[in-house]
């Protein structure tokens, strides 16, 4: 947002808006108050009134190595974050970090290039979060943190995974096998817990369930599928869309029909799963919205108007039952 945008929204001239924000020139106190109130509520400050220690930059930190399989999720988060930044008069800086220390993030923080940071992936014992806390830099995590004091925006992975698992069991699937990703990521631990709690909650039915975590490479996922088949599994659940695509490839190599020979579902949706034949039962999240929500929460922190009641925010999800489990 800029002065011209404010002028258009308030039906005023750009000159009037400029005078109201700068305090120079003739403009009524009522009009000046109207302009400033509207501008500040949308994150816009003139150069003369913007706090001297503010940069109007926000940083977003992606995992140092996340592979091509997760480009879609992070790209959609990035677009959402950029949309919210533009709306609030902020610029977005992008960097990456692993969980072992990273000079790029250190440099951005130490050179005071940003007003706050969004961490796009939550780790167990998160190094970046600890760094930002020590430097008193406002930050928001996309995902869940073990620290109850951290501000976060997350998809409700626990409830959604629990719900999908319970639906699959209620539809008569008795032998479930979950193929999971890296345990170092909090999101995978939460999805696993949702699966396990659903299986325990439905224990009045005759079911058996197994799971295998840390399946990340094509070979690991293929081996997991073969192990699941040896367990006489009737439904494979994949922790994300990448795992699901690799599992589908292995099932196709074995000439197994979905859903006649075996059913399959994913705890995370993608367009590839939607357009598969048959379409894959999945959980749909709004990745664009989570990026926007993270920026809005971070700006509230920067402006000191966030409270304890808003530390954790969960976004809506949708369980989409499709042909792969019919």
Protein backbone atom coordinates (compact mmCIF):
# COMPACT_ATOMS: atom_id res chain seq x y z
CA UNK A 1 0.00 0.00 0.00
CA UNK A 2 1.16 3.54 -0.79
CA UNK A 3 -0.20 7.08 -0.53
CA UNK A 4 -2.01 6.80 -3.86
CA UNK A 5 -3.80 3.66 -2.69
CA UNK A 6 -4.92 5.44 0.49
CA UNK A 7 -6.13 8.43 -1.52
CA UNK A 8 -8.17 6.18 -3.80
CA UNK A 9 -9.73 4.23 -0.91
CA UNK A 10 -10.68 7.39 1.01
CA UNK A 11 -11.71 9.35 -2.08
CA UNK A 12 -9.15 12.07 -1.37
CA UNK A 13 -6.43 13.65 -3.47
CA UNK A 14 -2.89 12.28 -3.23
CA UNK A 15 -1.74 15.73 -2.13
CA UNK A 16 -4.19 15.77 0.79
CA UNK A 17 -3.03 12.32 1.90
CA UNK A 18 0.63 13.34 1.65
CA UNK A 19 0.01 16.46 3.74
CA UNK A 20 -1.97 14.50 6.34
CA UNK A 21 0.78 11.92 6.78
CA UNK A 22 3.69 14.38 6.80
CA UNK A 23 2.00 17.05 8.95
CA UNK A 24 3.12 19.68 6.46
CA UNK A 25 0.68 21.85 4.56
CA UNK A 26 -2.91 22.84 5.21
CA UNK A 27 -5.30 19.99 6.00
CA UNK A 28 -8.03 19.78 8.62
CA UNK A 29 -7.33 17.84 11.82
CA UNK A 30 -10.36 15.63 11.10
CA UNK A 31 -9.03 14.65 7.67
CA UNK A 32 -5.50 14.14 9.04
CA UNK A 33 -6.82 11.80 11.73
CA UNK A 34 -8.93 9.87 9.18
CA UNK A 35 -5.94 9.37 6.87
CA UNK A 36 -3.52 8.33 9.64
CA UNK A 37 -5.98 5.94 11.22
CA UNK A 38 -6.65 4.21 7.91
CA UNK A 39 -2.98 4.13 6.92
CA UNK A 40 -1.74 2.76 10.25
CA UNK A 41 -4.46 0.11 10.36
CA UNK A 42 -3.11 -1.17 7.03
CA UNK A 43 0.52 -1.11 8.13
CA UNK A 44 1.50 2.09 6.27
CA UNK A 45 3.68 4.75 7.88
CA UNK A 46 5.25 7.76 6.22
CA UNK A 47 9.03 8.05 6.30
CA UNK A 48 8.86 10.80 8.92
CA UNK A 49 6.69 8.85 11.36
CA UNK A 50 7.98 5.31 10.85
CA UNK A 51 10.00 4.14 13.87
CA UNK A 52 13.72 4.66 13.30
CA UNK A 53 14.62 1.09 14.20
CA UNK A 54 12.11 -0.44 11.78
CA UNK A 55 13.28 -1.77 8.42
CA UNK A 56 9.85 -2.64 6.96
CA UNK A 57 11.38 -5.99 6.01
CA UNK A 58 10.21 -9.45 7.08
CA UNK A 59 12.35 -12.54 6.62
CA UNK A 60 11.07 -16.00 5.77
CA UNK A 61 13.30 -19.02 6.40
CA UNK A 62 12.85 -22.23 4.44
CA UNK A 63 14.58 -25.53 5.24
CA UNK A 64 18.10 -25.60 3.82
CA UNK A 65 17.35 -28.81 1.97
CA UNK A 66 13.77 -29.85 1.32
CA UNK A 67 13.95 -31.36 -2.17
CA UNK A 68 11.81 -30.84 -5.21
CA UNK A 69 8.97 -32.82 -3.67
CA UNK A 70 8.03 -30.00 -1.28
CA UNK A 71 8.35 -27.08 -3.71
CA UNK A 72 4.59 -26.76 -4.12
CA UNK A 73 3.86 -26.34 -0.39
CA UNK A 74 6.62 -23.80 0.24
CA UNK A 75 5.91 -21.87 -2.97
CA UNK A 76 2.24 -21.50 -2.05
CA UNK A 77 3.20 -20.37 1.47
CA UNK A 78 5.61 -17.86 -0.07
CA UNK A 79 2.96 -16.42 -2.39
CA UNK A 80 0.57 -16.05 0.54
CA UNK A 81 3.24 -14.35 2.65
CA UNK A 82 4.13 -11.98 -0.18
CA UNK A 83 0.46 -11.07 -0.66
CA UNK A 84 0.14 -10.13 3.02
CA UNK A 85 3.42 -8.18 2.97
CA UNK A 86 2.31 -6.09 0.01
CA UNK A 87 -1.00 -5.42 1.70
CA UNK A 88 0.81 -4.13 4.80
CA UNK A 89 3.61 -2.13 3.17
CA UNK A 90 6.39 -4.63 3.97
CA UNK A 91 9.03 -6.33 1.83
CA UNK A 92 9.86 -10.02 2.11
CA UNK A 93 13.40 -11.39 2.35
CA UNK A 94 14.00 -15.10 1.69
CA UNK A 95 16.73 -17.27 3.18
CA UNK A 96 17.26 -20.87 4.25
CA UNK A 97 18.57 -22.70 7.29
CA UNK A 98 19.04 -26.22 8.58
CA UNK A 99 18.80 -27.12 12.25
CA UNK A 100 22.54 -26.97 12.91
CA UNK A 101 23.31 -23.27 12.55
CA UNK A 102 23.35 -21.11 9.45
CA UNK A 103 25.49 -18.08 8.59
CA UNK A 104 22.87 -16.51 6.26
CA UNK A 105 20.26 -16.26 9.01
CA UNK A 106 22.92 -15.09 11.47
CA UNK A 107 23.93 -12.34 9.06
CA UNK A 108 20.38 -11.10 8.48
CA UNK A 109 19.75 -10.96 12.22
CA UNK A 110 23.09 -9.44 13.25
CA UNK A 111 22.95 -6.76 10.55
CA UNK A 112 19.40 -5.90 11.67
CA UNK A 113 17.96 -6.23 8.17
CA UNK A 114 14.54 -7.42 9.33
CA UNK A 115 11.84 -6.56 11.86
CA UNK A 116 10.78 -10.17 12.30
CA UNK A 117 11.11 -13.69 10.91
CA UNK A 118 8.77 -16.46 9.72
CA UNK A 119 10.16 -19.97 10.14
CA UNK A 120 8.52 -22.06 7.42
CA UNK A 121 9.31 -25.42 9.03
CA UNK A 122 9.38 -26.41 12.69
CA UNK A 123 12.10 -28.72 14.02
CA UNK A 124 12.45 -30.56 17.28
CA UNK A 125 14.88 -28.50 19.43
CA UNK A 126 14.72 -25.72 16.84
CA UNK A 127 18.08 -23.92 16.45
CA UNK A 128 16.66 -20.95 14.52
CA UNK A 129 13.90 -20.36 17.09
CA UNK A 130 16.49 -20.41 19.89
CA UNK A 131 18.64 -17.88 18.00
CA UNK A 132 15.74 -15.49 17.44
CA UNK A 133 14.64 -15.74 21.07
CA UNK A 134 18.18 -14.93 22.25
CA UNK A 135 18.28 -11.87 19.97
CA UNK A 136 14.76 -10.76 20.97
CA UNK A 137 13.61 -10.90 17.33
CA UNK A 138 9.84 -11.42 16.86
CA UNK A 139 9.13 -14.63 14.96
CA UNK A 140 6.27 -16.91 13.97
CA UNK A 141 6.54 -20.60 13.10
CA UNK A 142 4.54 -22.22 10.33
CA UNK A 143 3.81 -25.49 12.05
CA UNK A 144 3.78 -26.53 15.69
CA UNK A 145 6.45 -25.99 18.33
CA UNK A 146 7.23 -27.87 21.52
CA UNK A 147 7.59 -24.47 23.21
CA UNK A 148 4.17 -23.25 24.47
CA UNK A 149 5.38 -19.64 24.40
CA UNK A 150 6.08 -19.61 20.66
CA UNK A 151 3.64 -17.95 18.26
CA UNK A 152 2.63 -20.26 15.43
CA UNK A 153 0.23 -20.74 12.54
CA UNK A 154 -0.50 -24.31 11.62
CA UNK A 155 -2.73 -26.67 9.73
CA UNK A 156 -4.62 -28.82 12.20
CA UNK A 157 -2.58 -31.89 11.32
CA UNK A 158 -3.56 -33.87 14.41
CA UNK A 159 -7.34 -33.53 14.04
CA UNK A 160 -7.31 -33.97 10.26
CA UNK A 161 -5.15 -37.12 10.29
CA UNK A 162 -7.16 -38.59 13.13
CA UNK A 163 -10.40 -37.86 11.29
CA UNK A 164 -9.27 -39.41 8.00
CA UNK A 165 -7.95 -42.53 9.74
CA UNK A 166 -11.22 -42.99 11.63
CA UNK A 167 -13.21 -42.63 8.40
CA UNK A 168 -11.06 -45.25 6.67
CA UNK A 169 -11.56 -47.68 9.57
CA UNK A 170 -15.30 -47.01 9.67
CA UNK A 171 -15.46 -47.93 5.96
CA UNK A 172 -14.19 -51.40 6.74
CA UNK A 173 -10.43 -51.13 6.30
CA UNK A 174 -9.03 -53.52 8.92
CA UNK A 175 -5.28 -53.66 8.21
CA UNK A 176 -3.72 -50.20 7.97
CA UNK A 177 -0.11 -49.31 7.22
CA UNK A 178 1.23 -45.74 7.58
CA UNK A 179 4.36 -44.71 5.67
CA UNK A 180 5.86 -41.63 7.36
CA UNK A 181 8.55 -39.03 6.71
CA UNK A 182 11.47 -37.76 8.77
CA UNK A 183 10.89 -37.82 12.51
CA UNK A 184 12.96 -34.65 13.04
CA UNK A 185 10.05 -32.57 11.69
CA UNK A 186 7.33 -31.78 14.21
CA UNK A 187 4.60 -32.07 11.59
CA UNK A 188 5.40 -35.74 11.02
CA UNK A 189 5.28 -36.49 14.74
CA UNK A 190 1.87 -34.82 14.98
CA UNK A 191 0.46 -36.69 11.98
CA UNK A 192 1.72 -39.96 13.43
CA UNK A 193 0.00 -39.22 16.76
CA UNK A 194 -3.28 -38.48 14.99
CA UNK A 195 -3.05 -41.83 13.20
CA UNK A 196 -2.21 -43.77 16.38
CA UNK A 197 -4.94 -42.11 18.45
CA UNK A 198 -7.51 -42.86 15.75
CA UNK A 199 -6.53 -46.52 15.71
CA UNK A 200 -6.79 -46.68 19.50
CA UNK A 201 -10.11 -44.83 19.49
CA UNK A 202 -11.54 -47.36 17.01
CA UNK A 203 -10.22 -50.34 18.98
CA UNK A 204 -13.75 -51.71 19.32
CA UNK A 205 -13.34 -52.84 15.72
CA UNK A 206 -11.15 -55.72 14.60
CA UNK A 207 -8.19 -53.84 13.17
CA UNK A 208 -4.42 -54.11 12.99
CA UNK A 209 -2.07 -51.26 12.19
CA UNK A 210 1.62 -50.70 11.55
CA UNK A 211 3.76 -47.71 10.66
CA UNK A 212 7.25 -47.03 9.35
CA UNK A 213 8.86 -43.59 9.75
CA UNK A 214 11.88 -41.86 8.15
CA UNK A 215 10.91 -42.95 4.64
CA UNK A 216 12.22 -40.13 2.47
CA UNK A 217 13.97 -41.56 -0.60
CA UNK A 218 12.35 -43.51 -3.42
CA UNK A 219 14.11 -46.70 -2.30
CA UNK A 220 12.97 -46.29 1.32
CA UNK A 221 9.38 -45.71 0.24
CA UNK A 222 9.39 -48.65 -2.17
CA UNK A 223 10.76 -50.89 0.60
CA UNK A 224 8.02 -49.66 2.93
CA UNK A 225 5.35 -50.53 0.35
CA UNK A 226 6.79 -54.03 -0.04
CA UNK A 227 6.80 -54.43 3.75
CA UNK A 228 3.17 -53.26 3.91
CA UNK A 229 2.16 -55.83 1.30
CA UNK A 230 3.84 -58.61 3.28
CA UNK A 231 1.63 -57.56 6.21
CA UNK A 232 -1.44 -58.20 4.03
CA UNK A 233 -2.37 -54.52 4.31
CA UNK A 234 -5.72 -53.50 2.85
CA UNK A 235 -5.10 -49.71 3.05
CA UNK A 236 -1.81 -47.80 2.83
CA UNK A 237 -1.82 -44.30 4.31
CA UNK A 238 0.98 -41.97 3.20
CA UNK A 239 2.10 -39.09 5.38
CA UNK A 240 2.44 -36.64 2.48
CA UNK A 241 1.93 -36.36 -1.29
CA UNK A 242 5.57 -37.15 -2.17
CA UNK A 243 5.44 -40.44 -0.27
CA UNK A 244 2.08 -41.20 -1.87
CA UNK A 245 3.38 -40.64 -5.42
CA UNK A 246 6.34 -42.95 -4.82
CA UNK A 247 4.05 -45.56 -3.26
CA UNK A 248 1.76 -45.37 -6.29
CA UNK A 249 4.74 -46.01 -8.57
CA UNK A 250 5.66 -49.13 -6.59
CA UNK A 251 2.08 -50.42 -6.64
CA UNK A 252 1.91 -49.83 -10.39
CA UNK A 253 5.16 -51.77 -10.91
CA UNK A 254 3.53 -54.67 -9.10
CA UNK A 255 0.46 -54.39 -11.32
CA UNK A 256 -1.85 -53.90 -8.34
CA UNK A 257 -5.24 -52.33 -8.97
CA UNK A 258 -6.38 -49.39 -6.81
CA UNK A 259 -8.78 -49.72 -5.06
CA UNK A 260 -9.66 -53.35 -5.94
CA UNK A 261 -6.39 -54.92 -4.76
CA UNK A 262 -5.38 -52.29 -2.22
CA UNK A 263 -6.59 -48.87 -1.12
CA UNK A 264 -4.39 -45.83 -0.60
CA UNK A 265 -4.79 -42.38 1.00
CA UNK A 266 -2.60 -39.38 1.80
CA UNK A 267 -2.41 -37.06 4.80
CA UNK A 268 -1.55 -34.22 2.39
CA UNK A 269 -3.14 -33.31 -0.93
CA UNK A 270 -1.61 -32.09 -4.20
CA UNK A 271 -2.83 -31.56 -7.74
CA UNK A 272 -1.00 -34.75 -8.78
CA UNK A 273 -3.08 -36.79 -6.37
CA UNK A 274 -6.30 -35.05 -7.48
CA UNK A 275 -5.61 -35.90 -11.13
CA UNK A 276 -4.38 -39.43 -10.54
CA UNK A 277 -6.51 -42.28 -11.89
CA UNK A 278 -8.23 -42.98 -9.60
CA UNK A 279 -8.05 -39.71 -7.60
CA UNK A 280 -6.41 -40.20 -4.21
CA UNK A 281 -8.28 -39.68 -0.93
CA UNK A 282 -6.44 -36.81 0.79
CA UNK A 283 -6.55 -33.98 3.31
CA UNK A 284 -6.79 -30.54 1.71
CA UNK A 285 -5.12 -27.55 3.38
CA UNK A 286 -4.94 -23.94 2.17
CA UNK A 287 -1.17 -23.38 1.89
CA UNK A 288 -1.60 -19.86 0.52
CA UNK A 289 -3.70 -18.88 3.55
CA UNK A 290 -1.12 -20.19 6.01
CA UNK A 291 1.54 -17.89 4.52
CA UNK A 292 -0.80 -14.91 4.77
CA UNK A 293 -1.79 -15.76 8.33
CA UNK A 294 1.85 -16.09 9.41
CA UNK A 295 2.66 -12.59 8.15
CA UNK A 296 -0.40 -11.05 9.80
CA UNK A 297 0.48 -12.68 13.12
CA UNK A 298 4.11 -11.56 12.85
CA UNK A 299 3.07 -7.96 12.15
CA UNK A 300 0.85 -8.07 15.22
CA UNK A 301 3.89 -9.15 17.23
CA UNK A 302 6.02 -6.38 15.75
CA UNK A 303 3.34 -3.81 16.58
CA UNK A 304 2.97 -5.28 20.10
CA UNK A 305 -0.74 -6.01 19.81
CA UNK A 306 -0.59 -9.81 19.98
CA UNK A 307 -1.77 -11.55 23.16
CA UNK A 308 -1.37 -14.98 24.71
CA UNK A 309 -4.77 -16.08 23.40
CA UNK A 310 -3.48 -15.86 19.83
CA UNK A 311 -0.22 -17.79 20.28
CA UNK A 312 -1.45 -20.79 18.30
CA UNK A 313 -3.71 -20.47 15.28
CA UNK A 314 -5.10 -23.46 13.36
CA UNK A 315 -6.47 -23.15 9.84
CA UNK A 316 -9.38 -24.99 8.28
CA UNK A 317 -8.94 -28.32 6.49
CA UNK A 318 -11.09 -30.61 4.37
CA UNK A 319 -11.02 -34.40 4.19
CA UNK A 320 -11.65 -35.36 0.55
CA UNK A 321 -12.77 -38.96 0.04
CA UNK A 322 -11.98 -40.06 -3.51
CA UNK A 323 -11.84 -43.12 -5.72
CA UNK A 324 -8.67 -44.63 -4.23
CA UNK A 325 -10.55 -45.76 -1.12
CA UNK A 326 -14.00 -46.51 -2.56
